[in-house]
N, C-alpha and C. Protein backbone atom coordinates (compact mmCIF):
# COMPACT_ATOMS: atom_id res chain seq x y z
N MET A 1 44.64 -32.56 -8.29
CA MET A 1 43.97 -33.85 -8.36
C MET A 1 42.74 -33.85 -7.46
N GLY A 2 41.69 -34.48 -7.92
CA GLY A 2 40.47 -34.52 -7.14
C GLY A 2 39.65 -33.25 -7.24
N ARG A 3 39.98 -32.41 -8.19
CA ARG A 3 39.24 -31.16 -8.37
C ARG A 3 38.08 -31.36 -9.34
N VAL A 4 37.14 -30.42 -9.29
CA VAL A 4 36.06 -30.37 -10.27
C VAL A 4 36.45 -29.32 -11.31
N ILE A 5 36.64 -29.77 -12.53
CA ILE A 5 37.08 -28.87 -13.60
C ILE A 5 35.94 -28.65 -14.57
N CYS A 6 35.52 -27.39 -14.68
CA CYS A 6 34.47 -27.00 -15.61
C CYS A 6 35.11 -26.75 -16.97
N VAL A 7 34.55 -27.37 -17.99
CA VAL A 7 35.07 -27.19 -19.35
C VAL A 7 33.98 -26.57 -20.21
N TYR A 8 34.32 -25.42 -20.80
CA TYR A 8 33.45 -24.76 -21.77
C TYR A 8 33.91 -25.21 -23.15
N ALA A 9 32.97 -25.56 -24.03
CA ALA A 9 33.36 -26.09 -25.33
C ALA A 9 32.21 -26.04 -26.33
N SER A 10 32.57 -26.15 -27.58
CA SER A 10 31.62 -26.16 -28.68
C SER A 10 30.70 -27.38 -28.63
N SER A 11 29.48 -27.18 -29.11
CA SER A 11 28.54 -28.30 -29.25
C SER A 11 28.32 -28.63 -30.73
N SER A 12 29.16 -28.09 -31.60
CA SER A 12 28.99 -28.31 -33.04
C SER A 12 29.67 -29.60 -33.49
N ASN A 13 28.97 -30.35 -34.33
CA ASN A 13 29.56 -31.54 -34.96
C ASN A 13 30.16 -31.22 -36.32
N SER A 14 30.13 -29.97 -36.73
CA SER A 14 30.57 -29.57 -38.07
C SER A 14 31.98 -28.99 -38.10
N ILE A 15 32.76 -29.24 -37.07
CA ILE A 15 34.09 -28.63 -36.99
C ILE A 15 35.17 -29.66 -37.30
N ASP A 16 36.36 -29.15 -37.55
CA ASP A 16 37.50 -29.99 -37.91
C ASP A 16 37.81 -30.99 -36.80
N LYS A 17 38.19 -32.19 -37.21
CA LYS A 17 38.49 -33.28 -36.28
C LYS A 17 39.63 -32.94 -35.32
N LYS A 18 40.54 -32.05 -35.72
CA LYS A 18 41.65 -31.70 -34.83
C LYS A 18 41.14 -31.12 -33.51
N TYR A 19 39.98 -30.47 -33.53
CA TYR A 19 39.42 -29.91 -32.30
C TYR A 19 38.78 -30.99 -31.44
N THR A 20 38.11 -31.96 -32.06
CA THR A 20 37.56 -33.05 -31.26
C THR A 20 38.68 -33.91 -30.67
N ASP A 21 39.79 -34.01 -31.38
CA ASP A 21 40.94 -34.76 -30.85
C ASP A 21 41.49 -34.10 -29.59
N ILE A 22 41.62 -32.77 -29.60
CA ILE A 22 42.14 -32.09 -28.41
C ILE A 22 41.14 -32.19 -27.26
N ALA A 23 39.84 -32.15 -27.58
CA ALA A 23 38.82 -32.30 -26.53
C ALA A 23 38.91 -33.68 -25.90
N ALA A 24 39.11 -34.70 -26.73
CA ALA A 24 39.26 -36.07 -26.21
C ALA A 24 40.53 -36.19 -25.37
N ARG A 25 41.61 -35.56 -25.80
CA ARG A 25 42.85 -35.59 -24.99
C ARG A 25 42.64 -34.91 -23.64
N LEU A 26 41.90 -33.81 -23.65
CA LEU A 26 41.61 -33.13 -22.38
C LEU A 26 40.76 -34.03 -21.48
N GLY A 27 39.74 -34.65 -22.04
CA GLY A 27 38.90 -35.56 -21.24
C GLY A 27 39.71 -36.70 -20.64
N GLU A 28 40.58 -37.29 -21.45
CA GLU A 28 41.44 -38.36 -20.96
C GLU A 28 42.33 -37.88 -19.83
N ALA A 29 42.95 -36.71 -20.01
CA ALA A 29 43.86 -36.18 -19.00
C ALA A 29 43.14 -35.85 -17.70
N ILE A 30 41.94 -35.32 -17.80
CA ILE A 30 41.15 -35.02 -16.59
C ILE A 30 40.85 -36.31 -15.84
N ALA A 31 40.44 -37.35 -16.56
CA ALA A 31 40.16 -38.64 -15.91
C ALA A 31 41.41 -39.23 -15.29
N ARG A 32 42.51 -39.24 -16.03
CA ARG A 32 43.76 -39.82 -15.52
C ARG A 32 44.29 -39.04 -14.31
N ASN A 33 43.97 -37.75 -14.25
CA ASN A 33 44.42 -36.90 -13.15
C ASN A 33 43.55 -37.08 -11.91
N GLY A 34 42.46 -37.83 -12.03
CA GLY A 34 41.58 -38.05 -10.89
C GLY A 34 40.64 -36.90 -10.62
N ASP A 35 40.46 -36.03 -11.61
CA ASP A 35 39.56 -34.89 -11.47
C ASP A 35 38.18 -35.24 -12.01
N THR A 36 37.19 -34.45 -11.63
CA THR A 36 35.83 -34.59 -12.14
C THR A 36 35.64 -33.60 -13.28
N PHE A 37 35.01 -34.07 -14.34
CA PHE A 37 34.71 -33.24 -15.52
C PHE A 37 33.29 -32.71 -15.38
N LEU A 38 33.16 -31.39 -15.30
CA LEU A 38 31.85 -30.75 -15.21
C LEU A 38 31.67 -29.92 -16.48
N PHE A 39 30.50 -30.04 -17.12
CA PHE A 39 30.30 -29.34 -18.38
C PHE A 39 28.82 -29.06 -18.60
N GLY A 40 28.51 -28.50 -19.77
CA GLY A 40 27.15 -28.09 -20.06
C GLY A 40 26.18 -29.21 -20.40
N GLY A 41 26.62 -30.46 -20.35
CA GLY A 41 25.72 -31.60 -20.46
C GLY A 41 25.37 -32.06 -21.86
N GLY A 42 26.01 -31.51 -22.88
CA GLY A 42 25.67 -31.89 -24.25
C GLY A 42 26.47 -33.07 -24.76
N MET A 43 25.88 -33.80 -25.72
CA MET A 43 26.57 -34.97 -26.28
C MET A 43 27.27 -34.68 -27.60
N ARG A 44 27.08 -33.50 -28.15
CA ARG A 44 27.62 -33.17 -29.47
C ARG A 44 28.93 -32.39 -29.37
N GLY A 45 29.63 -32.37 -30.49
CA GLY A 45 30.82 -31.55 -30.62
C GLY A 45 31.91 -31.86 -29.61
N LEU A 46 32.61 -30.81 -29.23
CA LEU A 46 33.72 -30.97 -28.28
C LEU A 46 33.22 -31.37 -26.90
N MET A 47 32.01 -30.92 -26.57
CA MET A 47 31.43 -31.29 -25.27
C MET A 47 31.33 -32.82 -25.17
N GLY A 48 30.71 -33.42 -26.17
CA GLY A 48 30.53 -34.87 -26.17
C GLY A 48 31.84 -35.62 -26.28
N ALA A 49 32.76 -35.13 -27.12
CA ALA A 49 34.05 -35.80 -27.29
C ALA A 49 34.82 -35.86 -25.98
N ALA A 50 34.81 -34.74 -25.24
CA ALA A 50 35.52 -34.71 -23.96
C ALA A 50 34.84 -35.61 -22.94
N ALA A 51 33.51 -35.54 -22.84
CA ALA A 51 32.78 -36.35 -21.87
C ALA A 51 32.98 -37.84 -22.12
N MET A 52 32.89 -38.26 -23.38
CA MET A 52 33.08 -39.68 -23.70
C MET A 52 34.50 -40.14 -23.37
N ALA A 53 35.48 -39.27 -23.60
CA ALA A 53 36.87 -39.62 -23.26
C ALA A 53 37.04 -39.76 -21.76
N VAL A 54 36.42 -38.88 -21.00
CA VAL A 54 36.48 -39.01 -19.53
C VAL A 54 35.97 -40.38 -19.12
N HIS A 55 34.84 -40.78 -19.65
CA HIS A 55 34.27 -42.09 -19.31
C HIS A 55 35.14 -43.24 -19.80
N ARG A 56 35.70 -43.13 -20.98
CA ARG A 56 36.58 -44.21 -21.50
C ARG A 56 37.75 -44.47 -20.57
N PHE A 57 38.19 -43.42 -19.87
CA PHE A 57 39.35 -43.57 -18.98
C PHE A 57 38.95 -43.57 -17.51
N GLY A 58 37.68 -43.92 -17.24
CA GLY A 58 37.25 -44.19 -15.88
C GLY A 58 36.95 -42.98 -15.02
N GLY A 59 36.77 -41.81 -15.63
CA GLY A 59 36.51 -40.60 -14.86
C GLY A 59 35.04 -40.35 -14.62
N ARG A 60 34.78 -39.32 -13.86
CA ARG A 60 33.42 -38.93 -13.46
C ARG A 60 32.99 -37.71 -14.28
N VAL A 61 31.75 -37.75 -14.78
CA VAL A 61 31.19 -36.69 -15.62
C VAL A 61 29.93 -36.13 -14.96
N VAL A 62 29.93 -34.81 -14.78
CA VAL A 62 28.77 -34.10 -14.25
C VAL A 62 28.29 -33.12 -15.32
N GLY A 63 27.05 -33.26 -15.72
CA GLY A 63 26.46 -32.36 -16.71
C GLY A 63 25.45 -31.44 -16.07
N ILE A 64 25.47 -30.18 -16.50
CA ILE A 64 24.51 -29.18 -16.03
C ILE A 64 23.82 -28.65 -17.28
N ILE A 65 22.53 -28.93 -17.42
CA ILE A 65 21.84 -28.59 -18.67
C ILE A 65 20.50 -27.94 -18.37
N PRO A 66 20.15 -26.89 -19.12
CA PRO A 66 18.81 -26.31 -18.93
C PRO A 66 17.74 -27.23 -19.51
N GLU A 67 16.56 -27.18 -18.93
CA GLU A 67 15.50 -28.09 -19.34
C GLU A 67 15.17 -27.98 -20.83
N ALA A 68 15.33 -26.81 -21.42
CA ALA A 68 15.04 -26.63 -22.85
C ALA A 68 15.98 -27.45 -23.73
N LEU A 69 17.16 -27.80 -23.22
CA LEU A 69 18.13 -28.58 -23.99
C LEU A 69 18.21 -30.04 -23.52
N ASN A 70 17.43 -30.38 -22.53
CA ASN A 70 17.43 -31.75 -22.00
C ASN A 70 16.59 -32.65 -22.91
N LEU A 71 17.11 -32.86 -24.12
CA LEU A 71 16.40 -33.60 -25.16
C LEU A 71 17.23 -34.77 -25.64
N LYS A 72 16.58 -35.85 -25.99
CA LYS A 72 17.28 -37.00 -26.56
C LYS A 72 18.01 -36.54 -27.82
N GLY A 73 19.25 -36.94 -27.94
CA GLY A 73 20.07 -36.53 -29.07
C GLY A 73 20.84 -35.24 -28.82
N VAL A 74 20.51 -34.55 -27.74
CA VAL A 74 21.22 -33.32 -27.37
C VAL A 74 21.98 -33.54 -26.07
N VAL A 75 21.31 -34.10 -25.06
CA VAL A 75 21.91 -34.30 -23.74
C VAL A 75 22.79 -35.56 -23.74
N TYR A 76 23.89 -35.47 -23.00
CA TYR A 76 24.76 -36.63 -22.81
C TYR A 76 24.16 -37.46 -21.69
N GLU A 77 23.43 -38.49 -22.07
CA GLU A 77 22.64 -39.27 -21.11
C GLU A 77 23.48 -40.16 -20.20
N MET A 78 24.76 -40.30 -20.49
CA MET A 78 25.63 -41.16 -19.69
C MET A 78 26.27 -40.43 -18.51
N CYS A 79 25.88 -39.17 -18.28
CA CYS A 79 26.47 -38.43 -17.16
C CYS A 79 26.32 -39.22 -15.86
N ASP A 80 27.35 -39.18 -15.04
CA ASP A 80 27.27 -39.80 -13.71
C ASP A 80 26.29 -39.02 -12.84
N GLU A 81 26.22 -37.72 -13.10
CA GLU A 81 25.24 -36.86 -12.43
C GLU A 81 24.78 -35.84 -13.47
N LEU A 82 23.49 -35.69 -13.61
CA LEU A 82 22.93 -34.71 -14.53
C LEU A 82 22.01 -33.79 -13.74
N VAL A 83 22.33 -32.50 -13.77
CA VAL A 83 21.52 -31.49 -13.10
C VAL A 83 20.76 -30.74 -14.19
N VAL A 84 19.44 -30.71 -14.07
CA VAL A 84 18.60 -30.00 -15.04
C VAL A 84 18.13 -28.70 -14.39
N THR A 85 18.42 -27.59 -15.07
CA THR A 85 18.08 -26.27 -14.53
C THR A 85 16.92 -25.66 -15.32
N LYS A 86 16.34 -24.62 -14.76
CA LYS A 86 15.24 -23.91 -15.43
C LYS A 86 15.76 -23.06 -16.60
N SER A 87 16.98 -22.50 -16.45
CA SER A 87 17.46 -21.54 -17.44
C SER A 87 18.96 -21.66 -17.65
N LEU A 88 19.45 -20.97 -18.68
CA LEU A 88 20.89 -20.90 -18.91
C LEU A 88 21.60 -20.16 -17.78
N ARG A 89 20.98 -19.12 -17.26
CA ARG A 89 21.59 -18.36 -16.17
C ARG A 89 21.77 -19.23 -14.93
N GLU A 90 20.76 -20.03 -14.61
CA GLU A 90 20.87 -20.93 -13.46
C GLU A 90 21.94 -21.98 -13.73
N ARG A 91 22.01 -22.47 -14.96
CA ARG A 91 23.03 -23.44 -15.35
C ARG A 91 24.42 -22.90 -15.07
N LYS A 92 24.69 -21.67 -15.54
CA LYS A 92 26.02 -21.09 -15.36
C LYS A 92 26.34 -20.87 -13.89
N ALA A 93 25.34 -20.44 -13.10
CA ALA A 93 25.58 -20.21 -11.67
C ALA A 93 25.99 -21.51 -10.98
N ILE A 94 25.32 -22.61 -11.31
CA ILE A 94 25.67 -23.90 -10.70
C ILE A 94 27.05 -24.35 -11.17
N MET A 95 27.34 -24.17 -12.46
CA MET A 95 28.66 -24.53 -12.97
C MET A 95 29.75 -23.75 -12.22
N ASP A 96 29.53 -22.45 -12.03
CA ASP A 96 30.50 -21.61 -11.33
C ASP A 96 30.71 -22.08 -9.89
N GLU A 97 29.60 -22.32 -9.19
CA GLU A 97 29.65 -22.69 -7.78
C GLU A 97 30.34 -24.03 -7.55
N ARG A 98 30.06 -25.00 -8.40
CA ARG A 98 30.53 -26.36 -8.17
C ARG A 98 31.94 -26.62 -8.68
N SER A 99 32.51 -25.67 -9.41
CA SER A 99 33.80 -25.90 -10.05
C SER A 99 34.95 -25.32 -9.25
N ASP A 100 36.09 -26.02 -9.32
CA ASP A 100 37.33 -25.55 -8.70
C ASP A 100 38.22 -24.85 -9.72
N ALA A 101 37.96 -25.06 -11.01
CA ALA A 101 38.78 -24.48 -12.07
C ALA A 101 37.97 -24.50 -13.36
N PHE A 102 38.44 -23.71 -14.35
CA PHE A 102 37.74 -23.57 -15.61
C PHE A 102 38.71 -23.68 -16.77
N ILE A 103 38.30 -24.42 -17.81
CA ILE A 103 39.09 -24.53 -19.04
C ILE A 103 38.17 -24.23 -20.21
N ALA A 104 38.61 -23.35 -21.10
CA ALA A 104 37.86 -23.06 -22.31
C ALA A 104 38.53 -23.73 -23.50
N LEU A 105 37.85 -24.70 -24.08
CA LEU A 105 38.23 -25.27 -25.36
C LEU A 105 37.68 -24.34 -26.45
N PRO A 106 38.03 -24.55 -27.71
CA PRO A 106 37.41 -23.76 -28.77
C PRO A 106 35.89 -23.90 -28.76
N GLY A 107 35.23 -22.84 -29.15
CA GLY A 107 33.77 -22.86 -29.19
C GLY A 107 33.21 -21.64 -29.86
N GLY A 108 31.89 -21.57 -29.88
CA GLY A 108 31.19 -20.47 -30.52
C GLY A 108 30.80 -19.39 -29.52
N PHE A 109 29.70 -18.72 -29.80
CA PHE A 109 29.28 -17.58 -28.98
C PHE A 109 29.04 -17.97 -27.52
N GLY A 110 28.43 -19.14 -27.30
CA GLY A 110 28.15 -19.56 -25.93
C GLY A 110 29.43 -19.80 -25.14
N THR A 111 30.41 -20.43 -25.76
CA THR A 111 31.69 -20.67 -25.10
C THR A 111 32.38 -19.35 -24.78
N LEU A 112 32.38 -18.43 -25.73
CA LEU A 112 33.00 -17.12 -25.50
C LEU A 112 32.30 -16.37 -24.38
N GLU A 113 30.98 -16.44 -24.36
CA GLU A 113 30.22 -15.75 -23.33
C GLU A 113 30.56 -16.32 -21.95
N GLU A 114 30.64 -17.64 -21.85
CA GLU A 114 30.98 -18.27 -20.56
C GLU A 114 32.39 -17.90 -20.13
N LEU A 115 33.34 -17.93 -21.07
CA LEU A 115 34.72 -17.59 -20.75
C LEU A 115 34.83 -16.14 -20.28
N LEU A 116 34.23 -15.22 -21.02
CA LEU A 116 34.33 -13.81 -20.65
C LEU A 116 33.65 -13.52 -19.32
N GLU A 117 32.53 -14.20 -19.06
CA GLU A 117 31.86 -13.99 -17.78
C GLU A 117 32.71 -14.49 -16.61
N ILE A 118 33.33 -15.66 -16.76
CA ILE A 118 34.10 -16.21 -15.64
C ILE A 118 35.36 -15.38 -15.39
N ILE A 119 35.94 -14.81 -16.45
CA ILE A 119 37.08 -13.89 -16.28
C ILE A 119 36.61 -12.63 -15.56
N THR A 120 35.48 -12.08 -15.97
CA THR A 120 34.95 -10.86 -15.35
C THR A 120 34.62 -11.10 -13.87
N LEU A 121 34.02 -12.25 -13.57
CA LEU A 121 33.70 -12.56 -12.17
C LEU A 121 34.96 -12.65 -11.32
N LYS A 122 36.04 -13.16 -11.90
CA LYS A 122 37.31 -13.23 -11.17
C LYS A 122 37.87 -11.83 -10.96
N GLN A 123 37.80 -11.00 -11.99
CA GLN A 123 38.29 -9.62 -11.88
C GLN A 123 37.54 -8.86 -10.78
N LEU A 124 36.26 -9.13 -10.66
CA LEU A 124 35.43 -8.45 -9.67
C LEU A 124 35.42 -9.14 -8.31
N LYS A 125 36.28 -10.15 -8.14
CA LYS A 125 36.50 -10.84 -6.86
C LYS A 125 35.33 -11.72 -6.42
N TYR A 126 34.52 -12.19 -7.36
CA TYR A 126 33.48 -13.15 -7.00
C TYR A 126 34.07 -14.55 -6.83
N HIS A 127 35.24 -14.78 -7.40
CA HIS A 127 35.97 -16.03 -7.19
C HIS A 127 37.44 -15.77 -7.45
N ASN A 128 38.27 -16.71 -7.05
CA ASN A 128 39.71 -16.61 -7.32
C ASN A 128 40.21 -17.99 -7.74
N LYS A 129 39.55 -18.55 -8.74
CA LYS A 129 39.85 -19.90 -9.22
C LYS A 129 40.64 -19.81 -10.53
N PRO A 130 41.41 -20.84 -10.83
CA PRO A 130 42.18 -20.82 -12.07
C PRO A 130 41.30 -20.91 -13.31
N ILE A 131 41.69 -20.15 -14.33
CA ILE A 131 41.01 -20.13 -15.62
C ILE A 131 42.07 -20.39 -16.68
N VAL A 132 41.81 -21.35 -17.55
CA VAL A 132 42.74 -21.69 -18.63
C VAL A 132 42.04 -21.53 -19.97
N ILE A 133 42.70 -20.84 -20.88
CA ILE A 133 42.25 -20.76 -22.26
C ILE A 133 43.11 -21.73 -23.05
N LEU A 134 42.49 -22.82 -23.51
CA LEU A 134 43.22 -23.84 -24.27
C LEU A 134 43.23 -23.42 -25.74
N ASN A 135 44.31 -22.77 -26.11
CA ASN A 135 44.44 -22.13 -27.42
C ASN A 135 45.01 -23.10 -28.45
N CYS A 136 44.28 -24.19 -28.69
CA CYS A 136 44.76 -25.19 -29.64
C CYS A 136 44.62 -24.67 -31.06
N ASP A 137 45.66 -24.94 -31.82
CA ASP A 137 45.73 -24.53 -33.23
C ASP A 137 45.47 -23.03 -33.38
N ARG A 138 45.87 -22.25 -32.37
CA ARG A 138 45.80 -20.78 -32.39
C ARG A 138 44.35 -20.27 -32.49
N PHE A 139 43.41 -21.10 -32.06
CA PHE A 139 41.99 -20.75 -32.17
C PHE A 139 41.68 -19.40 -31.52
N TYR A 140 42.27 -19.13 -30.37
CA TYR A 140 41.95 -17.92 -29.61
C TYR A 140 42.88 -16.74 -29.89
N ASP A 141 43.75 -16.83 -30.87
CA ASP A 141 44.71 -15.75 -31.13
C ASP A 141 44.02 -14.39 -31.33
N ALA A 142 42.97 -14.35 -32.13
CA ALA A 142 42.30 -13.06 -32.39
C ALA A 142 41.68 -12.50 -31.11
N LEU A 143 41.10 -13.35 -30.28
CA LEU A 143 40.53 -12.89 -29.01
C LEU A 143 41.64 -12.37 -28.09
N LEU A 144 42.75 -13.08 -28.03
CA LEU A 144 43.86 -12.64 -27.19
C LEU A 144 44.45 -11.33 -27.70
N ASP A 145 44.48 -11.15 -29.01
CA ASP A 145 44.89 -9.85 -29.57
C ASP A 145 43.94 -8.75 -29.13
N GLN A 146 42.64 -9.06 -29.12
CA GLN A 146 41.65 -8.08 -28.67
C GLN A 146 41.86 -7.76 -27.19
N PHE A 147 42.15 -8.76 -26.38
CA PHE A 147 42.45 -8.51 -24.97
C PHE A 147 43.62 -7.53 -24.86
N GLY A 148 44.68 -7.77 -25.64
CA GLY A 148 45.84 -6.88 -25.63
C GLY A 148 45.46 -5.47 -26.04
N HIS A 149 44.62 -5.34 -27.04
CA HIS A 149 44.15 -4.04 -27.52
C HIS A 149 43.38 -3.31 -26.41
N ILE A 150 42.53 -4.04 -25.70
CA ILE A 150 41.77 -3.47 -24.58
C ILE A 150 42.72 -2.92 -23.52
N MET A 151 43.77 -3.69 -23.22
CA MET A 151 44.73 -3.25 -22.21
C MET A 151 45.58 -2.09 -22.73
N ASP A 152 45.99 -2.14 -23.99
CA ASP A 152 46.79 -1.05 -24.57
C ASP A 152 46.07 0.28 -24.52
N LEU A 153 44.75 0.26 -24.68
CA LEU A 153 43.96 1.49 -24.68
C LEU A 153 43.41 1.84 -23.30
N ASN A 154 43.88 1.13 -22.26
CA ASN A 154 43.53 1.40 -20.86
C ASN A 154 42.06 1.13 -20.53
N PHE A 155 41.40 0.26 -21.31
CA PHE A 155 40.06 -0.18 -20.92
C PHE A 155 40.16 -1.27 -19.85
N ALA A 156 41.35 -1.83 -19.69
CA ALA A 156 41.64 -2.79 -18.63
C ALA A 156 43.11 -2.61 -18.24
N LYS A 157 43.42 -2.89 -17.01
CA LYS A 157 44.79 -2.79 -16.54
C LYS A 157 45.65 -3.88 -17.19
N PRO A 158 46.93 -3.61 -17.42
CA PRO A 158 47.81 -4.64 -18.00
C PRO A 158 47.86 -5.92 -17.15
N GLU A 159 47.68 -5.78 -15.84
CA GLU A 159 47.70 -6.93 -14.95
C GLU A 159 46.52 -7.88 -15.19
N SER A 160 45.56 -7.45 -15.98
CA SER A 160 44.40 -8.28 -16.27
C SER A 160 44.78 -9.60 -16.91
N ASN A 161 45.93 -9.65 -17.57
CA ASN A 161 46.35 -10.92 -18.18
C ASN A 161 46.71 -11.97 -17.14
N LEU A 162 46.78 -11.58 -15.87
CA LEU A 162 47.01 -12.54 -14.79
C LEU A 162 45.73 -13.27 -14.39
N LEU A 163 44.60 -12.83 -14.92
CA LEU A 163 43.32 -13.45 -14.59
C LEU A 163 43.16 -14.83 -15.20
N TYR A 164 43.93 -15.13 -16.24
CA TYR A 164 43.80 -16.38 -16.98
C TYR A 164 45.17 -16.85 -17.46
N HIS A 165 45.24 -18.12 -17.79
CA HIS A 165 46.47 -18.73 -18.31
C HIS A 165 46.17 -19.23 -19.72
N VAL A 166 47.07 -18.97 -20.64
CA VAL A 166 46.89 -19.40 -22.02
C VAL A 166 47.92 -20.48 -22.34
N THR A 167 47.45 -21.57 -22.92
CA THR A 167 48.34 -22.65 -23.34
C THR A 167 47.69 -23.40 -24.50
N SER A 168 48.53 -24.09 -25.26
CA SER A 168 47.99 -24.96 -26.31
C SER A 168 48.15 -26.43 -25.92
N ASP A 169 48.64 -26.66 -24.70
CA ASP A 169 48.99 -28.00 -24.26
C ASP A 169 48.09 -28.46 -23.11
N VAL A 170 47.46 -29.61 -23.28
CA VAL A 170 46.55 -30.14 -22.27
C VAL A 170 47.27 -30.37 -20.94
N GLU A 171 48.45 -30.97 -20.98
CA GLU A 171 49.17 -31.26 -19.73
C GLU A 171 49.54 -29.98 -19.00
N ASP A 172 49.95 -28.95 -19.75
CA ASP A 172 50.27 -27.66 -19.13
C ASP A 172 49.03 -27.05 -18.49
N ALA A 173 47.87 -27.20 -19.13
CA ALA A 173 46.63 -26.67 -18.57
C ALA A 173 46.36 -27.29 -17.20
N LEU A 174 46.49 -28.62 -17.11
CA LEU A 174 46.21 -29.29 -15.83
C LEU A 174 47.30 -29.00 -14.80
N LYS A 175 48.54 -28.87 -15.26
CA LYS A 175 49.63 -28.51 -14.33
C LYS A 175 49.37 -27.12 -13.73
N TYR A 176 48.95 -26.19 -14.56
CA TYR A 176 48.63 -24.84 -14.07
C TYR A 176 47.54 -24.92 -12.99
N ILE A 177 46.50 -25.70 -13.24
CA ILE A 177 45.43 -25.84 -12.26
C ILE A 177 45.94 -26.51 -10.99
N ASP A 178 46.74 -27.57 -11.14
CA ASP A 178 47.25 -28.30 -9.97
C ASP A 178 48.16 -27.45 -9.10
N THR A 179 48.87 -26.50 -9.70
CA THR A 179 49.85 -25.70 -8.95
C THR A 179 49.37 -24.28 -8.70
N TYR A 180 48.13 -24.00 -9.05
CA TYR A 180 47.60 -22.63 -8.94
C TYR A 180 47.60 -22.14 -7.50
N LYS A 181 48.09 -20.93 -7.34
CA LYS A 181 48.06 -20.26 -6.04
C LYS A 181 47.22 -19.00 -6.20
N PRO A 182 46.08 -18.92 -5.51
CA PRO A 182 45.25 -17.71 -5.63
C PRO A 182 46.04 -16.47 -5.26
N PHE A 183 45.78 -15.39 -5.94
CA PHE A 183 46.45 -14.14 -5.63
C PHE A 183 45.41 -13.07 -5.33
N VAL A 184 45.87 -12.01 -4.66
CA VAL A 184 44.98 -10.94 -4.24
C VAL A 184 44.99 -9.85 -5.29
N PHE A 185 43.81 -9.46 -5.72
CA PHE A 185 43.67 -8.37 -6.67
C PHE A 185 43.60 -7.06 -5.91
N GLU A 186 44.28 -6.07 -6.42
CA GLU A 186 44.20 -4.75 -5.81
C GLU A 186 42.88 -4.09 -6.20
N ASP A 187 42.34 -3.29 -5.28
CA ASP A 187 41.09 -2.60 -5.56
C ASP A 187 41.18 -1.68 -6.76
N LYS A 188 42.37 -1.20 -7.05
CA LYS A 188 42.53 -0.27 -8.18
C LYS A 188 42.10 -0.91 -9.50
N TRP A 189 42.02 -2.25 -9.55
CA TRP A 189 41.57 -2.91 -10.77
C TRP A 189 40.12 -2.58 -11.07
N LEU A 190 39.42 -2.16 -10.03
CA LEU A 190 37.99 -1.91 -10.19
C LEU A 190 37.71 -0.47 -10.59
N THR A 191 38.72 0.39 -10.59
CA THR A 191 38.49 1.80 -10.90
C THR A 191 38.97 2.17 -12.27
């Protein structure tokens, strides 16, 4: 409770309503839990659905958006705090620094890139914060299979699955974050 939770999510309005429903449930749960919702600052898709739900339930919304996307109809103008950055790289760095935890909702290439980078940064000991993959409607099954394949072929240690938590349940995601205990990675993970 009282944490800043970074949520990576799709900005597409062309996706099935079941995904916007889970995004809204996550936004509601974050607000009810007394946490701050930090995200990429967009008003569309799952990003907007989650942000609006946070506000509907009295929560705080922080958006981090690059100036190229800070456009009417793209940016969520109701953010309690909106940080405008020069670039996507600066945006991600601020999101990483200001967040206590990370949740990946379904999304496209940008969401996958953010998720994989934050997992890699944890593996390399740049942070030791909780990461949750919200696998609603089995959206991430193929990616998780690929993770298993990477580990099976020794491109990553089997312990790498400890870097993140997978769930399809919003409440379980927040419980994992609330009860997370940082652990020490052995140097052998880097070799």
